[in-house]
N, C-alpha and C. Protein backbone atom coordinates (compact mmCIF):
# COMPACT_ATOMS: atom_id res chain seq x y z
N MET A 1 3.83 -9.31 29.17
CA MET A 1 4.86 -8.46 28.57
C MET A 1 4.88 -8.69 27.07
N PRO A 2 5.11 -7.64 26.30
CA PRO A 2 5.20 -7.80 24.84
C PRO A 2 6.39 -8.67 24.44
N LYS A 3 6.19 -9.41 23.36
CA LYS A 3 7.26 -10.25 22.80
C LYS A 3 7.70 -9.67 21.46
N TYR A 4 8.97 -9.90 21.16
CA TYR A 4 9.56 -9.36 19.93
C TYR A 4 10.43 -10.41 19.26
N LEU A 5 10.33 -10.46 17.94
CA LEU A 5 11.25 -11.23 17.12
C LEU A 5 12.45 -10.32 16.87
N ILE A 6 13.64 -10.82 17.17
CA ILE A 6 14.88 -10.07 16.95
C ILE A 6 15.63 -10.72 15.79
N GLN A 7 16.06 -9.91 14.83
CA GLN A 7 16.85 -10.40 13.70
C GLN A 7 18.04 -9.49 13.51
N ALA A 8 19.22 -10.08 13.38
CA ALA A 8 20.43 -9.26 13.25
C ALA A 8 21.40 -9.88 12.26
N LYS A 9 22.13 -8.99 11.60
CA LYS A 9 23.23 -9.39 10.74
C LYS A 9 24.51 -8.96 11.45
N ILE A 10 25.44 -9.87 11.59
CA ILE A 10 26.69 -9.58 12.29
C ILE A 10 27.61 -8.81 11.36
N SER A 11 28.19 -7.71 11.85
CA SER A 11 29.16 -6.93 11.08
C SER A 11 30.51 -7.64 11.07
N HIS A 12 31.42 -7.11 10.29
CA HIS A 12 32.78 -7.67 10.23
C HIS A 12 33.42 -7.66 11.62
N GLU A 13 33.29 -6.53 12.33
CA GLU A 13 33.85 -6.44 13.69
C GLU A 13 33.16 -7.42 14.63
N GLY A 14 31.86 -7.54 14.50
CA GLY A 14 31.11 -8.48 15.33
C GLY A 14 31.51 -9.92 15.07
N LEU A 15 31.77 -10.24 13.81
CA LEU A 15 32.19 -11.60 13.48
C LEU A 15 33.56 -11.91 14.07
N LYS A 16 34.45 -10.92 14.02
CA LYS A 16 35.78 -11.12 14.63
C LYS A 16 35.63 -11.40 16.13
N GLY A 17 34.77 -10.64 16.79
CA GLY A 17 34.55 -10.86 18.22
C GLY A 17 33.91 -12.20 18.51
N THR A 18 32.94 -12.59 17.69
CA THR A 18 32.28 -13.87 17.88
C THR A 18 33.26 -15.02 17.68
N MET A 19 34.12 -14.89 16.68
CA MET A 19 35.13 -15.93 16.43
C MET A 19 36.11 -16.03 17.60
N ALA A 20 36.42 -14.90 18.21
CA ALA A 20 37.37 -14.89 19.33
C ALA A 20 36.73 -15.40 20.62
N GLU A 21 35.49 -14.98 20.88
CA GLU A 21 34.83 -15.32 22.15
C GLU A 21 33.98 -16.59 22.07
N GLY A 22 33.47 -16.90 20.90
CA GLY A 22 32.59 -18.04 20.73
C GLY A 22 31.12 -17.63 20.74
N GLY A 23 30.31 -18.46 20.15
CA GLY A 23 28.88 -18.18 20.04
C GLY A 23 28.16 -18.16 21.38
N SER A 24 28.58 -19.01 22.29
CA SER A 24 27.93 -19.06 23.61
C SER A 24 28.16 -17.78 24.40
N ALA A 25 29.32 -17.18 24.25
CA ALA A 25 29.62 -15.92 24.95
C ALA A 25 28.71 -14.80 24.45
N ARG A 26 28.43 -14.76 23.15
CA ARG A 26 27.53 -13.74 22.61
C ARG A 26 26.11 -13.97 23.13
N HIS A 27 25.70 -15.23 23.17
CA HIS A 27 24.38 -15.55 23.71
C HIS A 27 24.26 -15.06 25.14
N THR A 28 25.27 -15.31 25.94
CA THR A 28 25.28 -14.86 27.33
C THR A 28 25.21 -13.34 27.43
N ALA A 29 25.95 -12.65 26.56
CA ALA A 29 25.94 -11.18 26.58
C ALA A 29 24.57 -10.62 26.20
N VAL A 30 23.93 -11.21 25.20
CA VAL A 30 22.60 -10.74 24.78
C VAL A 30 21.59 -11.01 25.89
N LYS A 31 21.66 -12.20 26.48
CA LYS A 31 20.75 -12.55 27.57
C LYS A 31 20.91 -11.57 28.75
N LYS A 32 22.14 -11.25 29.08
CA LYS A 32 22.41 -10.30 30.17
C LYS A 32 21.82 -8.92 29.84
N ALA A 33 21.99 -8.47 28.60
CA ALA A 33 21.48 -7.16 28.20
C ALA A 33 19.95 -7.13 28.26
N VAL A 34 19.30 -8.16 27.77
CA VAL A 34 17.83 -8.22 27.80
C VAL A 34 17.35 -8.25 29.25
N THR A 35 17.99 -9.05 30.08
CA THR A 35 17.62 -9.14 31.49
C THR A 35 17.80 -7.80 32.20
N SER A 36 18.85 -7.07 31.84
CA SER A 36 19.10 -5.76 32.46
C SER A 36 17.99 -4.76 32.16
N MET A 37 17.23 -5.00 31.11
CA MET A 37 16.11 -4.14 30.74
C MET A 37 14.79 -4.62 31.35
N GLY A 38 14.87 -5.68 32.17
CA GLY A 38 13.66 -6.23 32.78
C GLY A 38 12.97 -7.26 31.91
N GLY A 39 13.67 -7.73 30.87
CA GLY A 39 13.08 -8.68 29.94
C GLY A 39 13.58 -10.10 30.13
N THR A 40 13.15 -10.96 29.23
CA THR A 40 13.55 -12.36 29.22
C THR A 40 13.89 -12.74 27.78
N LEU A 41 15.03 -13.40 27.60
CA LEU A 41 15.39 -13.91 26.28
C LEU A 41 14.87 -15.34 26.18
N GLU A 42 13.82 -15.51 25.38
CA GLU A 42 13.18 -16.83 25.27
C GLU A 42 13.95 -17.78 24.37
N SER A 43 14.53 -17.24 23.29
CA SER A 43 15.29 -18.09 22.38
C SER A 43 16.36 -17.24 21.68
N PHE A 44 17.42 -17.90 21.27
CA PHE A 44 18.54 -17.24 20.60
C PHE A 44 19.20 -18.28 19.70
N TYR A 45 19.27 -17.97 18.41
CA TYR A 45 19.85 -18.90 17.45
C TYR A 45 20.75 -18.17 16.47
N TYR A 46 21.78 -18.86 16.03
CA TYR A 46 22.55 -18.41 14.88
C TYR A 46 21.90 -19.05 13.66
N ALA A 47 21.95 -18.35 12.52
CA ALA A 47 21.25 -18.82 11.34
C ALA A 47 22.08 -18.59 10.09
N PHE A 48 21.76 -19.34 9.04
CA PHE A 48 22.31 -19.12 7.72
C PHE A 48 21.32 -18.24 6.97
N GLY A 49 21.79 -17.51 5.98
CA GLY A 49 20.87 -16.76 5.14
C GLY A 49 20.88 -15.28 5.42
N GLU A 50 19.71 -14.68 5.32
CA GLU A 50 19.58 -13.22 5.42
C GLU A 50 20.02 -12.68 6.78
N ASN A 51 19.71 -13.42 7.85
CA ASN A 51 20.07 -12.99 9.20
C ASN A 51 21.05 -13.99 9.83
N ASP A 52 21.95 -13.46 10.64
CA ASP A 52 22.93 -14.31 11.33
C ASP A 52 22.46 -14.71 12.72
N ILE A 53 21.61 -13.88 13.31
CA ILE A 53 21.07 -14.14 14.65
C ILE A 53 19.57 -13.92 14.61
N VAL A 54 18.85 -14.86 15.24
CA VAL A 54 17.40 -14.77 15.36
C VAL A 54 17.04 -15.14 16.80
N GLY A 55 16.15 -14.37 17.39
CA GLY A 55 15.74 -14.68 18.75
C GLY A 55 14.38 -14.12 19.06
N ILE A 56 13.86 -14.52 20.21
CA ILE A 56 12.61 -13.99 20.71
C ILE A 56 12.87 -13.50 22.13
N ALA A 57 12.48 -12.25 22.37
CA ALA A 57 12.64 -11.65 23.69
C ALA A 57 11.30 -11.10 24.17
N GLU A 58 11.11 -11.19 25.46
CA GLU A 58 9.97 -10.57 26.10
C GLU A 58 10.51 -9.36 26.83
N MET A 59 9.93 -8.19 26.57
CA MET A 59 10.39 -6.95 27.18
C MET A 59 9.22 -6.26 27.87
N PRO A 60 9.50 -5.46 28.92
CA PRO A 60 8.41 -4.81 29.64
C PRO A 60 7.67 -3.74 28.83
N SER A 61 8.30 -3.20 27.79
CA SER A 61 7.64 -2.14 27.03
C SER A 61 8.33 -1.94 25.69
N ASN A 62 7.67 -1.19 24.80
CA ASN A 62 8.29 -0.81 23.53
C ASN A 62 9.52 0.05 23.79
N ALA A 63 9.46 0.91 24.82
CA ALA A 63 10.60 1.76 25.14
C ALA A 63 11.81 0.93 25.55
N ALA A 64 11.60 -0.12 26.33
CA ALA A 64 12.70 -0.99 26.73
C ALA A 64 13.32 -1.68 25.51
N MET A 65 12.48 -2.15 24.59
CA MET A 65 13.01 -2.79 23.39
C MET A 65 13.74 -1.79 22.52
N ALA A 66 13.21 -0.59 22.40
CA ALA A 66 13.88 0.45 21.60
C ALA A 66 15.24 0.79 22.19
N SER A 67 15.34 0.87 23.49
CA SER A 67 16.62 1.14 24.14
C SER A 67 17.61 0.01 23.90
N PHE A 68 17.15 -1.22 24.05
CA PHE A 68 18.01 -2.39 23.79
C PHE A 68 18.51 -2.36 22.35
N ALA A 69 17.59 -2.19 21.40
CA ALA A 69 17.94 -2.20 19.98
C ALA A 69 18.92 -1.07 19.64
N SER A 70 18.68 0.11 20.20
CA SER A 70 19.57 1.24 19.94
C SER A 70 20.98 1.00 20.46
N ASN A 71 21.06 0.45 21.65
CA ASN A 71 22.38 0.18 22.23
C ASN A 71 23.13 -0.90 21.48
N VAL A 72 22.43 -1.92 21.03
CA VAL A 72 23.07 -2.97 20.22
C VAL A 72 23.57 -2.37 18.91
N ALA A 73 22.73 -1.58 18.25
CA ALA A 73 23.12 -0.96 16.98
C ALA A 73 24.30 -0.02 17.15
N LEU A 74 24.31 0.77 18.22
CA LEU A 74 25.41 1.71 18.46
C LEU A 74 26.75 1.02 18.71
N ALA A 75 26.70 -0.21 19.19
CA ALA A 75 27.95 -0.93 19.49
C ALA A 75 28.74 -1.24 18.22
N GLY A 76 28.07 -1.27 17.06
CA GLY A 76 28.77 -1.50 15.80
C GLY A 76 29.07 -2.96 15.47
N THR A 77 28.55 -3.88 16.28
CA THR A 77 28.84 -5.29 16.04
C THR A 77 27.78 -5.98 15.17
N VAL A 78 26.73 -5.23 14.84
CA VAL A 78 25.75 -5.74 13.88
C VAL A 78 25.61 -4.72 12.76
N SER A 79 25.40 -5.19 11.55
CA SER A 79 25.24 -4.29 10.42
C SER A 79 23.78 -4.00 10.14
N ALA A 80 22.90 -4.81 10.69
CA ALA A 80 21.45 -4.59 10.58
C ALA A 80 20.79 -5.23 11.78
N PHE A 81 19.77 -4.56 12.29
CA PHE A 81 19.06 -5.05 13.47
C PHE A 81 17.59 -4.73 13.30
N ALA A 82 16.73 -5.72 13.42
CA ALA A 82 15.30 -5.49 13.27
C ALA A 82 14.54 -6.15 14.41
N THR A 83 13.52 -5.46 14.89
CA THR A 83 12.63 -6.03 15.88
C THR A 83 11.22 -6.02 15.32
N THR A 84 10.52 -7.10 15.53
CA THR A 84 9.15 -7.22 15.08
C THR A 84 8.28 -7.56 16.27
N PRO A 85 7.30 -6.72 16.61
CA PRO A 85 6.39 -7.07 17.70
C PRO A 85 5.60 -8.32 17.34
N LEU A 86 5.44 -9.20 18.30
CA LEU A 86 4.70 -10.45 18.10
C LEU A 86 3.38 -10.38 18.86
N LEU A 87 2.31 -10.80 18.22
CA LEU A 87 0.98 -10.76 18.83
C LEU A 87 0.52 -12.17 19.20
N GLU A 88 -0.06 -12.28 20.37
CA GLU A 88 -0.71 -13.53 20.78
C GLU A 88 -2.00 -13.68 19.99
N PRO A 89 -2.48 -14.92 19.77
CA PRO A 89 -3.75 -15.09 19.07
C PRO A 89 -4.90 -14.32 19.73
N SER A 90 -4.90 -14.25 21.05
CA SER A 90 -5.97 -13.51 21.75
C SER A 90 -5.91 -12.02 21.44
N GLU A 91 -4.72 -11.48 21.17
CA GLU A 91 -4.61 -10.07 20.80
C GLU A 91 -5.20 -9.83 19.42
N VAL A 92 -5.05 -10.78 18.52
CA VAL A 92 -5.67 -10.67 17.19
C VAL A 92 -7.19 -10.75 17.35
N ASP A 93 -7.66 -11.65 18.24
CA ASP A 93 -9.10 -11.74 18.50
C ASP A 93 -9.64 -10.39 18.96
N GLU A 94 -8.91 -9.74 19.87
CA GLU A 94 -9.32 -8.43 20.37
C GLU A 94 -9.29 -7.38 19.25
N ALA A 95 -8.25 -7.41 18.44
CA ALA A 95 -8.09 -6.42 17.38
C ALA A 95 -9.23 -6.47 16.37
N ILE A 96 -9.69 -7.66 16.03
CA ILE A 96 -10.74 -7.75 15.01
C ILE A 96 -12.10 -7.31 15.53
N THR A 97 -12.23 -7.15 16.85
CA THR A 97 -13.50 -6.68 17.40
C THR A 97 -13.55 -5.16 17.52
N LEU A 98 -12.42 -4.50 17.38
CA LEU A 98 -12.37 -3.04 17.51
C LEU A 98 -12.91 -2.38 16.24
N LYS A 99 -13.71 -1.37 16.42
CA LYS A 99 -14.30 -0.65 15.29
C LYS A 99 -13.45 0.57 14.95
N VAL A 100 -13.23 0.79 13.65
CA VAL A 100 -12.43 1.92 13.18
C VAL A 100 -13.30 2.81 12.32
N ASP A 101 -13.28 4.10 12.59
CA ASP A 101 -14.01 5.07 11.78
C ASP A 101 -13.05 5.61 10.73
N TYR A 102 -12.99 4.93 9.60
CA TYR A 102 -12.03 5.29 8.54
C TYR A 102 -12.76 5.33 7.21
N THR A 103 -12.51 6.38 6.45
CA THR A 103 -13.06 6.51 5.10
C THR A 103 -11.89 6.46 4.12
N PRO A 104 -11.86 5.47 3.22
CA PRO A 104 -10.76 5.40 2.25
C PRO A 104 -10.88 6.51 1.20
N PRO A 105 -9.77 6.85 0.55
CA PRO A 105 -9.83 7.87 -0.50
C PRO A 105 -10.70 7.40 -1.67
N GLN A 106 -11.35 8.35 -2.27
CA GLN A 106 -12.24 8.04 -3.40
C GLN A 106 -11.49 8.29 -4.71
N ALA A 107 -11.66 7.38 -5.66
CA ALA A 107 -11.00 7.52 -6.97
C ALA A 107 -11.80 8.41 -7.88
């Protein structure tokens, strides 16, 4: 199954909810949502800096991850949400063996 890096910034409303429910409750809610899509939440962390939440999820497809991300964004509890597909080293090995018929623009 494809893996994704999840990065989110908590909105003002989301922070109020997190403060009321606690960080563990949010972790449980995210894990339940990922599982409901047929995925697995491998890691979940709160962070300082650019992102407030960082995690890694395994999802059955890009469509499942897109649905998860859309539903989280629509809830309004995050002000920014990004997913980054993660590649296994063997996938990079496969990618570098593929031939591309591409001609760059000429100056």
